[in-house]
N, C-alpha and C. Protein backbone atom coordinates (compact mmCIF):
# COMPACT_ATOMS: atom_id res chain seq x y z
N MET A 1 58.47 -3.49 22.95
CA MET A 1 58.28 -2.07 23.15
C MET A 1 56.85 -1.84 23.60
N SER A 2 56.69 -0.98 24.56
CA SER A 2 55.37 -0.71 25.09
C SER A 2 54.76 0.52 24.44
N ILE A 3 53.91 0.28 23.45
CA ILE A 3 53.19 1.38 22.81
C ILE A 3 52.25 2.02 23.83
N ARG A 4 51.65 1.18 24.64
CA ARG A 4 50.72 1.63 25.67
C ARG A 4 51.36 2.70 26.55
N HIS A 5 52.51 2.38 27.09
CA HIS A 5 53.18 3.32 27.99
C HIS A 5 53.73 4.53 27.25
N SER A 6 54.18 4.32 26.04
CA SER A 6 54.69 5.43 25.25
C SER A 6 53.60 6.46 24.98
N LEU A 7 52.42 6.00 24.61
CA LEU A 7 51.31 6.93 24.36
C LEU A 7 50.90 7.65 25.64
N LEU A 8 50.85 6.91 26.74
CA LEU A 8 50.53 7.55 28.02
C LEU A 8 51.55 8.63 28.36
N ALA A 9 52.83 8.33 28.16
CA ALA A 9 53.88 9.30 28.47
C ALA A 9 53.70 10.56 27.63
N LEU A 10 53.37 10.41 26.36
CA LEU A 10 53.17 11.57 25.50
C LEU A 10 51.94 12.37 25.90
N LEU A 11 50.92 11.68 26.40
CA LEU A 11 49.71 12.39 26.83
C LEU A 11 49.93 13.16 28.13
N GLN A 12 50.96 12.82 28.89
CA GLN A 12 51.29 13.61 30.09
C GLN A 12 51.64 15.04 29.71
N ASP A 13 52.27 15.18 28.56
CA ASP A 13 52.70 16.48 28.06
C ASP A 13 51.51 17.39 27.79
N ARG A 14 50.54 16.87 27.04
CA ARG A 14 49.32 17.61 26.72
C ARG A 14 48.35 16.67 26.02
N PRO A 15 47.06 17.00 26.02
CA PRO A 15 46.10 16.17 25.28
C PRO A 15 46.41 16.19 23.78
N ARG A 16 46.15 15.05 23.13
CA ARG A 16 46.43 14.92 21.70
C ARG A 16 45.43 13.95 21.07
N TYR A 17 45.35 14.00 19.76
CA TYR A 17 44.59 12.98 19.04
C TYR A 17 45.59 11.97 18.46
N GLY A 18 45.06 10.88 17.96
CA GLY A 18 45.89 9.74 17.56
C GLY A 18 47.02 10.06 16.60
N TYR A 19 46.72 10.80 15.54
CA TYR A 19 47.77 11.09 14.56
C TYR A 19 48.87 11.94 15.18
N GLN A 20 48.50 12.89 16.05
CA GLN A 20 49.52 13.69 16.75
C GLN A 20 50.41 12.80 17.61
N LEU A 21 49.82 11.81 18.27
CA LEU A 21 50.60 10.90 19.10
C LEU A 21 51.58 10.11 18.24
N ARG A 22 51.12 9.66 17.09
CA ARG A 22 52.00 8.91 16.19
C ARG A 22 53.18 9.77 15.75
N ILE A 23 52.91 11.00 15.34
CA ILE A 23 53.97 11.90 14.88
C ILE A 23 54.94 12.21 16.02
N GLU A 24 54.42 12.50 17.21
CA GLU A 24 55.27 12.80 18.37
C GLU A 24 56.15 11.61 18.74
N PHE A 25 55.56 10.42 18.72
CA PHE A 25 56.33 9.21 19.04
C PHE A 25 57.48 9.06 18.07
N GLU A 26 57.19 9.17 16.78
CA GLU A 26 58.24 8.99 15.78
C GLU A 26 59.28 10.11 15.86
N ASP A 27 58.85 11.34 16.10
CA ASP A 27 59.80 12.45 16.24
C ASP A 27 60.72 12.25 17.44
N ARG A 28 60.16 11.84 18.55
CA ARG A 28 60.94 11.73 19.78
C ARG A 28 61.84 10.49 19.82
N THR A 29 61.53 9.51 18.98
CA THR A 29 62.38 8.32 18.93
C THR A 29 63.22 8.28 17.66
N GLY A 30 63.29 9.38 16.97
CA GLY A 30 64.10 9.44 15.76
C GLY A 30 63.57 8.60 14.62
N SER A 31 62.27 8.38 14.59
CA SER A 31 61.62 7.58 13.54
C SER A 31 62.22 6.19 13.41
N SER A 32 62.76 5.68 14.51
CA SER A 32 63.39 4.36 14.48
C SER A 32 62.37 3.23 14.47
N TRP A 33 61.21 3.47 15.03
CA TRP A 33 60.16 2.47 15.08
C TRP A 33 58.88 3.07 14.52
N PRO A 34 58.63 2.86 13.24
CA PRO A 34 57.40 3.40 12.67
C PRO A 34 56.19 2.84 13.41
N LEU A 35 55.23 3.69 13.65
CA LEU A 35 54.05 3.31 14.41
C LEU A 35 52.85 3.32 13.47
N ASN A 36 52.14 2.22 13.40
CA ASN A 36 50.95 2.10 12.58
C ASN A 36 49.82 2.88 13.24
N ILE A 37 49.14 3.72 12.49
CA ILE A 37 48.08 4.56 13.06
C ILE A 37 46.94 3.70 13.61
N GLY A 38 46.68 2.56 12.98
CA GLY A 38 45.66 1.66 13.52
C GLY A 38 46.02 1.14 14.89
N GLN A 39 47.31 0.85 15.08
CA GLN A 39 47.79 0.40 16.39
C GLN A 39 47.63 1.49 17.44
N VAL A 40 47.84 2.75 17.03
CA VAL A 40 47.67 3.88 17.96
C VAL A 40 46.23 3.93 18.45
N TYR A 41 45.27 3.88 17.52
CA TYR A 41 43.86 4.00 17.91
C TYR A 41 43.37 2.77 18.67
N THR A 42 43.86 1.59 18.31
CA THR A 42 43.50 0.39 19.08
C THR A 42 44.01 0.50 20.50
N THR A 43 45.24 0.99 20.66
CA THR A 43 45.82 1.16 21.98
C THR A 43 45.06 2.22 22.77
N LEU A 44 44.69 3.32 22.12
CA LEU A 44 43.92 4.36 22.80
C LEU A 44 42.57 3.82 23.29
N ASP A 45 41.92 2.98 22.47
CA ASP A 45 40.66 2.36 22.89
C ASP A 45 40.86 1.52 24.15
N ARG A 46 41.95 0.75 24.18
CA ARG A 46 42.23 -0.09 25.35
C ARG A 46 42.56 0.77 26.58
N LEU A 47 43.33 1.83 26.36
CA LEU A 47 43.67 2.72 27.47
C LEU A 47 42.41 3.38 28.04
N GLU A 48 41.48 3.73 27.16
CA GLU A 48 40.22 4.31 27.62
C GLU A 48 39.41 3.27 28.40
N ARG A 49 39.35 2.07 27.86
CA ARG A 49 38.63 0.98 28.53
C ARG A 49 39.19 0.73 29.93
N ASP A 50 40.54 0.85 30.06
CA ASP A 50 41.20 0.60 31.34
C ASP A 50 41.21 1.81 32.27
N GLY A 51 40.59 2.92 31.84
CA GLY A 51 40.50 4.10 32.68
C GLY A 51 41.78 4.92 32.77
N LEU A 52 42.70 4.73 31.83
CA LEU A 52 43.98 5.44 31.87
C LEU A 52 43.97 6.71 31.03
N VAL A 53 43.05 6.79 30.07
CA VAL A 53 42.83 8.00 29.29
C VAL A 53 41.33 8.19 29.16
N ARG A 54 40.95 9.40 28.76
CA ARG A 54 39.54 9.65 28.46
C ARG A 54 39.48 10.58 27.25
N LYS A 55 38.38 10.47 26.52
CA LYS A 55 38.17 11.35 25.39
C LYS A 55 37.79 12.72 25.95
N GLU A 56 38.47 13.72 25.44
CA GLU A 56 38.22 15.09 25.90
C GLU A 56 37.23 15.79 24.99
N GLY A 57 36.93 15.18 23.88
CA GLY A 57 36.06 15.80 22.88
C GLY A 57 36.81 15.88 21.57
N ALA A 58 36.26 16.67 20.67
CA ALA A 58 36.88 16.81 19.36
C ALA A 58 37.47 18.21 19.21
N ASP A 59 38.54 18.29 18.42
CA ASP A 59 39.08 19.61 18.12
C ASP A 59 38.23 20.22 17.00
N GLY A 60 38.60 21.36 16.53
CA GLY A 60 37.82 22.04 15.50
C GLY A 60 37.75 21.32 14.18
N GLU A 61 38.63 20.34 13.98
CA GLU A 61 38.66 19.61 12.72
C GLU A 61 38.06 18.20 12.84
N GLY A 62 37.43 17.90 13.97
CA GLY A 62 36.77 16.61 14.15
C GLY A 62 37.64 15.49 14.68
N HIS A 63 38.90 15.78 15.06
CA HIS A 63 39.76 14.75 15.65
C HIS A 63 39.37 14.54 17.11
N VAL A 64 39.27 13.29 17.52
CA VAL A 64 38.98 12.98 18.91
C VAL A 64 40.27 13.17 19.71
N VAL A 65 40.20 14.04 20.71
CA VAL A 65 41.36 14.36 21.54
C VAL A 65 41.29 13.54 22.82
N TYR A 66 42.43 12.95 23.19
CA TYR A 66 42.53 12.14 24.40
C TYR A 66 43.36 12.87 25.45
N THR A 67 43.00 12.65 26.70
CA THR A 67 43.76 13.20 27.81
C THR A 67 44.03 12.08 28.81
N ILE A 68 45.10 12.20 29.52
CA ILE A 68 45.49 11.16 30.49
C ILE A 68 44.73 11.39 31.80
N THR A 69 44.37 10.30 32.47
CA THR A 69 43.71 10.39 33.78
C THR A 69 44.76 10.29 34.88
N SER A 70 44.33 10.50 36.12
CA SER A 70 45.28 10.35 37.24
C SER A 70 45.79 8.92 37.32
N GLU A 71 44.94 7.94 37.00
CA GLU A 71 45.38 6.55 36.98
C GLU A 71 46.43 6.34 35.89
N GLY A 72 46.25 7.00 34.76
CA GLY A 72 47.22 6.92 33.68
C GLY A 72 48.55 7.54 34.07
N ARG A 73 48.51 8.67 34.79
CA ARG A 73 49.75 9.30 35.26
C ARG A 73 50.50 8.37 36.22
N ALA A 74 49.76 7.69 37.08
CA ALA A 74 50.38 6.74 38.02
C ALA A 74 51.02 5.58 37.25
N GLU A 75 50.34 5.11 36.21
CA GLU A 75 50.87 4.03 35.38
C GLU A 75 52.19 4.44 34.71
N VAL A 76 52.24 5.67 34.20
CA VAL A 76 53.46 6.15 33.55
C VAL A 76 54.59 6.30 34.57
N ARG A 77 54.29 6.85 35.75
CA ARG A 77 55.32 6.98 36.80
C ARG A 77 55.90 5.61 37.13
N ASN A 78 55.03 4.63 37.27
CA ASN A 78 55.48 3.26 37.57
C ASN A 78 56.34 2.71 36.44
N TRP A 79 55.96 2.96 35.20
CA TRP A 79 56.71 2.48 34.03
C TRP A 79 58.11 3.08 34.02
N PHE A 80 58.21 4.39 34.24
CA PHE A 80 59.51 5.04 34.21
C PHE A 80 60.42 4.63 35.37
N THR A 81 59.83 4.24 36.51
CA THR A 81 60.66 3.88 37.66
C THR A 81 60.93 2.39 37.77
N SER A 82 60.31 1.60 36.89
CA SER A 82 60.52 0.15 36.92
C SER A 82 61.51 -0.27 35.83
N PRO A 83 62.44 -1.17 36.16
CA PRO A 83 63.36 -1.65 35.12
C PRO A 83 62.63 -2.52 34.11
N VAL A 84 63.18 -2.60 32.92
CA VAL A 84 62.66 -3.51 31.90
C VAL A 84 63.17 -4.89 32.25
N LEU A 85 62.27 -5.81 32.51
CA LEU A 85 62.64 -7.15 32.94
C LEU A 85 63.09 -8.00 31.76
N ARG A 86 64.01 -8.86 32.01
CA ARG A 86 64.54 -9.76 30.97
C ARG A 86 64.13 -11.20 31.23
N THR A 87 63.03 -11.40 31.94
CA THR A 87 62.60 -12.76 32.26
C THR A 87 62.11 -13.51 31.02
N ASN A 88 61.44 -12.81 30.13
CA ASN A 88 60.98 -13.42 28.89
C ASN A 88 61.68 -12.72 27.74
N PRO A 89 62.77 -13.31 27.24
CA PRO A 89 63.49 -12.62 26.17
C PRO A 89 62.59 -12.43 24.96
N PRO A 90 62.77 -11.32 24.26
CA PRO A 90 61.95 -11.09 23.06
C PRO A 90 62.28 -12.13 22.00
N ARG A 91 61.30 -12.42 21.18
CA ARG A 91 61.54 -13.37 20.08
C ARG A 91 62.47 -12.71 19.08
N ASN A 92 63.46 -13.45 18.69
CA ASN A 92 64.43 -12.95 17.74
C ASN A 92 64.28 -13.79 16.48
N GLU A 93 63.69 -13.20 15.45
CA GLU A 93 63.40 -13.95 14.23
C GLU A 93 64.67 -14.54 13.62
N LEU A 94 65.75 -13.80 13.68
CA LEU A 94 67.01 -14.29 13.11
C LEU A 94 67.51 -15.53 13.86
N ALA A 95 67.48 -15.49 15.18
CA ALA A 95 67.93 -16.64 15.97
C ALA A 95 67.04 -17.85 15.70
N ILE A 96 65.74 -17.62 15.59
CA ILE A 96 64.81 -18.72 15.30
C ILE A 96 65.10 -19.29 13.91
N LYS A 97 65.31 -18.40 12.93
CA LYS A 97 65.59 -18.84 11.56
C LYS A 97 66.84 -19.71 11.50
N LEU A 98 67.91 -19.26 12.14
CA LEU A 98 69.16 -20.04 12.10
C LEU A 98 69.04 -21.34 12.88
N ALA A 99 68.37 -21.31 14.03
CA ALA A 99 68.20 -22.53 14.81
C ALA A 99 67.40 -23.57 14.03
N LEU A 100 66.31 -23.14 13.41
CA LEU A 100 65.51 -24.07 12.62
C LEU A 100 66.27 -24.54 11.38
N GLY A 101 67.01 -23.61 10.76
CA GLY A 101 67.78 -23.97 9.58
C GLY A 101 68.78 -25.06 9.85
N LEU A 102 69.37 -25.06 11.03
CA LEU A 102 70.32 -26.10 11.40
C LEU A 102 69.67 -27.47 11.55
N THR A 103 68.38 -27.47 11.81
CA THR A 103 67.70 -28.74 12.08
C THR A 103 66.93 -29.28 10.88
N LEU A 104 66.92 -28.52 9.78
CA LEU A 104 66.16 -28.95 8.60
C LEU A 104 67.10 -29.25 7.44
N PRO A 105 66.81 -30.30 6.70
CA PRO A 105 67.68 -30.63 5.55
C PRO A 105 67.52 -29.60 4.43
N GLY A 106 68.63 -29.37 3.73
CA GLY A 106 68.59 -28.53 2.55
C GLY A 106 68.68 -27.03 2.80
N VAL A 107 68.85 -26.61 4.04
CA VAL A 107 68.95 -25.19 4.35
C VAL A 107 70.42 -24.80 4.42
N ASP A 108 70.81 -23.82 3.66
CA ASP A 108 72.19 -23.33 3.68
C ASP A 108 72.30 -22.23 4.74
N VAL A 109 72.57 -22.64 5.95
CA VAL A 109 72.65 -21.71 7.08
C VAL A 109 73.81 -20.74 6.89
N GLY A 110 74.89 -21.20 6.32
CA GLY A 110 76.03 -20.32 6.05
C GLY A 110 75.64 -19.16 5.14
N ALA A 111 74.85 -19.44 4.11
CA ALA A 111 74.40 -18.39 3.20
C ALA A 111 73.47 -17.41 3.93
N ALA A 112 72.64 -17.94 4.80
CA ALA A 112 71.74 -17.08 5.58
C ALA A 112 72.56 -16.15 6.49
N ILE A 113 73.61 -16.69 7.10
CA ILE A 113 74.48 -15.89 7.96
C ILE A 113 75.16 -14.79 7.15
N HIS A 114 75.69 -15.14 6.00
CA HIS A 114 76.38 -14.15 5.15
C HIS A 114 75.43 -13.06 4.68
N ALA A 115 74.23 -13.45 4.27
CA ALA A 115 73.24 -12.46 3.81
C ALA A 115 72.85 -11.52 4.94
N GLN A 116 72.64 -12.09 6.13
CA GLN A 116 72.25 -11.25 7.27
C GLN A 116 73.39 -10.32 7.68
N ARG A 117 74.61 -10.84 7.66
CA ARG A 117 75.76 -10.00 8.03
C ARG A 117 75.83 -8.78 7.11
N ALA A 118 75.64 -8.98 5.81
CA ALA A 118 75.70 -7.87 4.85
C ALA A 118 74.62 -6.82 5.17
N VAL A 119 73.42 -7.28 5.47
CA VAL A 119 72.33 -6.36 5.82
C VAL A 119 72.62 -5.65 7.14
N SER A 120 73.14 -6.38 8.10
CA SER A 120 73.43 -5.80 9.41
C SER A 120 74.55 -4.77 9.33
N ILE A 121 75.57 -5.06 8.55
CA ILE A 121 76.68 -4.11 8.40
C ILE A 121 76.19 -2.84 7.70
N ARG A 122 75.34 -3.01 6.72
CA ARG A 122 74.77 -1.83 6.03
C ARG A 122 73.94 -1.01 7.01
N ALA A 123 73.13 -1.66 7.82
CA ALA A 123 72.33 -0.95 8.83
C ALA A 123 73.24 -0.23 9.82
N LEU A 124 74.30 -0.89 10.22
CA LEU A 124 75.26 -0.28 11.14
C LEU A 124 75.86 0.98 10.53
N GLN A 125 76.21 0.90 9.26
CA GLN A 125 76.74 2.08 8.58
C GLN A 125 75.71 3.21 8.52
N ASP A 126 74.46 2.86 8.24
CA ASP A 126 73.40 3.87 8.17
C ASP A 126 73.16 4.51 9.53
N TYR A 127 73.10 3.69 10.59
CA TYR A 127 72.89 4.24 11.94
C TYR A 127 74.05 5.13 12.34
N THR A 128 75.26 4.71 12.02
CA THR A 128 76.45 5.49 12.38
C THR A 128 76.45 6.82 11.63
N LYS A 129 76.09 6.80 10.38
CA LYS A 129 76.02 8.04 9.60
C LYS A 129 74.95 8.97 10.17
N ALA A 130 73.78 8.42 10.47
CA ALA A 130 72.70 9.23 11.04
C ALA A 130 73.11 9.81 12.39
N ARG A 131 73.83 9.02 13.18
CA ARG A 131 74.28 9.51 14.48
C ARG A 131 75.29 10.65 14.30
N ARG A 132 76.22 10.46 13.38
CA ARG A 132 77.24 11.49 13.12
C ARG A 132 76.57 12.79 12.66
N GLU A 133 75.61 12.68 11.74
CA GLU A 133 74.91 13.86 11.23
C GLU A 133 74.09 14.55 12.32
N THR A 134 73.42 13.77 13.12
CA THR A 134 72.61 14.33 14.21
C THR A 134 73.50 15.02 15.23
N ALA A 135 74.60 14.37 15.61
CA ALA A 135 75.50 14.93 16.61
C ALA A 135 76.17 16.21 16.11
N SER A 136 76.39 16.32 14.83
CA SER A 136 77.08 17.50 14.28
C SER A 136 76.22 18.76 14.36
N GLN A 137 74.92 18.59 14.55
CA GLN A 137 74.02 19.74 14.60
C GLN A 137 74.02 20.42 15.97
N HIS A 138 74.52 19.76 16.98
CA HIS A 138 74.66 20.32 18.34
C HIS A 138 73.37 20.93 18.87
N ARG A 139 72.24 20.23 18.67
CA ARG A 139 70.96 20.72 19.20
C ARG A 139 70.59 19.87 20.41
N SER A 140 70.23 20.51 21.49
CA SER A 140 69.85 19.76 22.69
C SER A 140 68.61 18.91 22.45
N THR A 141 67.79 19.32 21.49
CA THR A 141 66.57 18.55 21.20
C THR A 141 66.87 17.21 20.54
N ASP A 142 68.11 17.01 20.08
CA ASP A 142 68.48 15.76 19.42
C ASP A 142 68.97 14.69 20.38
N THR A 143 69.03 14.98 21.66
CA THR A 143 69.56 14.02 22.62
C THR A 143 68.77 12.72 22.61
N ALA A 144 67.45 12.80 22.55
CA ALA A 144 66.64 11.58 22.53
C ALA A 144 66.94 10.75 21.29
N ARG A 145 67.04 11.40 20.14
CA ARG A 145 67.37 10.68 18.90
C ARG A 145 68.75 10.03 19.00
N LEU A 146 69.71 10.74 19.60
CA LEU A 146 71.06 10.18 19.76
C LEU A 146 71.03 8.94 20.65
N LEU A 147 70.24 8.97 21.72
CA LEU A 147 70.12 7.79 22.59
C LEU A 147 69.59 6.59 21.81
N VAL A 148 68.58 6.83 21.00
CA VAL A 148 67.99 5.74 20.21
C VAL A 148 69.00 5.22 19.20
N LEU A 149 69.68 6.14 18.52
CA LEU A 149 70.69 5.71 17.54
C LEU A 149 71.82 4.94 18.20
N ASP A 150 72.28 5.40 19.36
CA ASP A 150 73.32 4.66 20.10
C ASP A 150 72.85 3.25 20.41
N SER A 151 71.61 3.12 20.86
CA SER A 151 71.07 1.80 21.17
C SER A 151 71.05 0.92 19.93
N LEU A 152 70.61 1.47 18.81
CA LEU A 152 70.56 0.69 17.56
C LEU A 152 71.96 0.29 17.11
N ILE A 153 72.91 1.19 17.27
CA ILE A 153 74.30 0.88 16.89
C ILE A 153 74.84 -0.26 17.74
N PHE A 154 74.66 -0.17 19.06
CA PHE A 154 75.17 -1.21 19.95
C PHE A 154 74.49 -2.56 19.68
N GLN A 155 73.17 -2.54 19.44
CA GLN A 155 72.46 -3.78 19.15
C GLN A 155 72.94 -4.41 17.84
N THR A 156 73.16 -3.57 16.84
CA THR A 156 73.61 -4.09 15.55
C THR A 156 75.03 -4.60 15.61
N GLU A 157 75.89 -3.91 16.36
CA GLU A 157 77.26 -4.41 16.56
C GLU A 157 77.22 -5.77 17.24
N ALA A 158 76.37 -5.91 18.24
CA ALA A 158 76.24 -7.19 18.93
C ALA A 158 75.73 -8.28 17.97
N GLU A 159 74.80 -7.91 17.10
CA GLU A 159 74.28 -8.88 16.14
C GLU A 159 75.39 -9.36 15.19
N VAL A 160 76.22 -8.44 14.72
CA VAL A 160 77.31 -8.83 13.82
C VAL A 160 78.28 -9.75 14.55
N ARG A 161 78.61 -9.44 15.80
CA ARG A 161 79.50 -10.33 16.57
C ARG A 161 78.87 -11.70 16.76
N TRP A 162 77.55 -11.72 17.03
CA TRP A 162 76.84 -12.98 17.20
C TRP A 162 76.85 -13.78 15.90
N LEU A 163 76.68 -13.11 14.77
CA LEU A 163 76.73 -13.80 13.48
C LEU A 163 78.11 -14.41 13.24
N ASP A 164 79.15 -13.69 13.66
CA ASP A 164 80.51 -14.25 13.57
C ASP A 164 80.61 -15.54 14.39
N LEU A 165 80.05 -15.52 15.58
CA LEU A 165 80.05 -16.71 16.44
C LEU A 165 79.25 -17.84 15.79
N CYS A 166 78.10 -17.51 15.22
CA CYS A 166 77.29 -18.53 14.54
C CYS A 166 78.07 -19.18 13.41
N GLU A 167 78.77 -18.36 12.65
CA GLU A 167 79.57 -18.89 11.54
C GLU A 167 80.68 -19.80 12.06
N ALA A 168 81.33 -19.39 13.15
CA ALA A 168 82.40 -20.22 13.73
C ALA A 168 81.83 -21.55 14.22
N ARG A 169 80.67 -21.53 14.84
CA ARG A 169 80.06 -22.78 15.31
C ARG A 169 79.64 -23.66 14.14
N LEU A 170 79.14 -23.04 13.10
CA LEU A 170 78.75 -23.79 11.92
C LEU A 170 79.98 -24.47 11.31
N MET A 171 81.12 -23.76 11.28
CA MET A 171 82.35 -24.34 10.74
C MET A 171 82.81 -25.51 11.62
N GLN A 172 82.67 -25.39 12.95
CA GLN A 172 83.02 -26.50 13.84
C GLN A 172 82.14 -27.71 13.57
N LEU A 173 80.88 -27.43 13.30
CA LEU A 173 79.91 -28.50 13.08
C LEU A 173 80.20 -29.24 11.77
N THR A 174 80.54 -28.51 10.73
CA THR A 174 80.76 -29.12 9.43
C THR A 174 82.19 -29.59 9.22
N GLY A 175 83.10 -29.10 10.05
CA GLY A 175 84.50 -29.49 9.92
C GLY A 175 85.21 -28.68 8.84
N PRO A 176 86.51 -28.80 8.76
CA PRO A 176 87.26 -28.03 7.76
C PRO A 176 86.93 -28.48 6.36
N SER A 177 86.94 -27.51 5.45
CA SER A 177 86.68 -27.80 4.04
C SER A 177 87.90 -28.46 3.41
N ALA A 178 87.66 -29.23 2.40
CA ALA A 178 88.76 -29.91 1.72
C ALA A 178 89.41 -29.02 0.70
């Protein structure tokens, strides 16, 4: 996930200080990805260094307010019009854990699969409930949250199917039980 581009996109709307950016990000993404405030300010420092934002000064309460530059607006336009590339797949801790578990003695990979499936199914139920509750409110402002929840639901469903496949492969590897 690009925090850099997300903050730039929010600054297109209006100048903000770091905590406001954090709150806006979480509100607009349905609080699906909590954002560490330290990460926000570190990213803002880098964006300023790269000439994509500038400090506008402080508000009446001493918060440093940032505004996007024309270079930053161009960066956001490019981000929104460019597809997300799949050349370097993201690291998947679960896939790494199971792959390593298969290669190390004494690891019960089947138990790891079962434990993960239970957590994933619970998450799927929570996402589905949140989606149902959000959709029932019929507010146009909830569309962004619904998109995020749909994405989480589809990803979690895929994870559960993948865990089923992992279990089937593990059973092939170990053979039928006596």
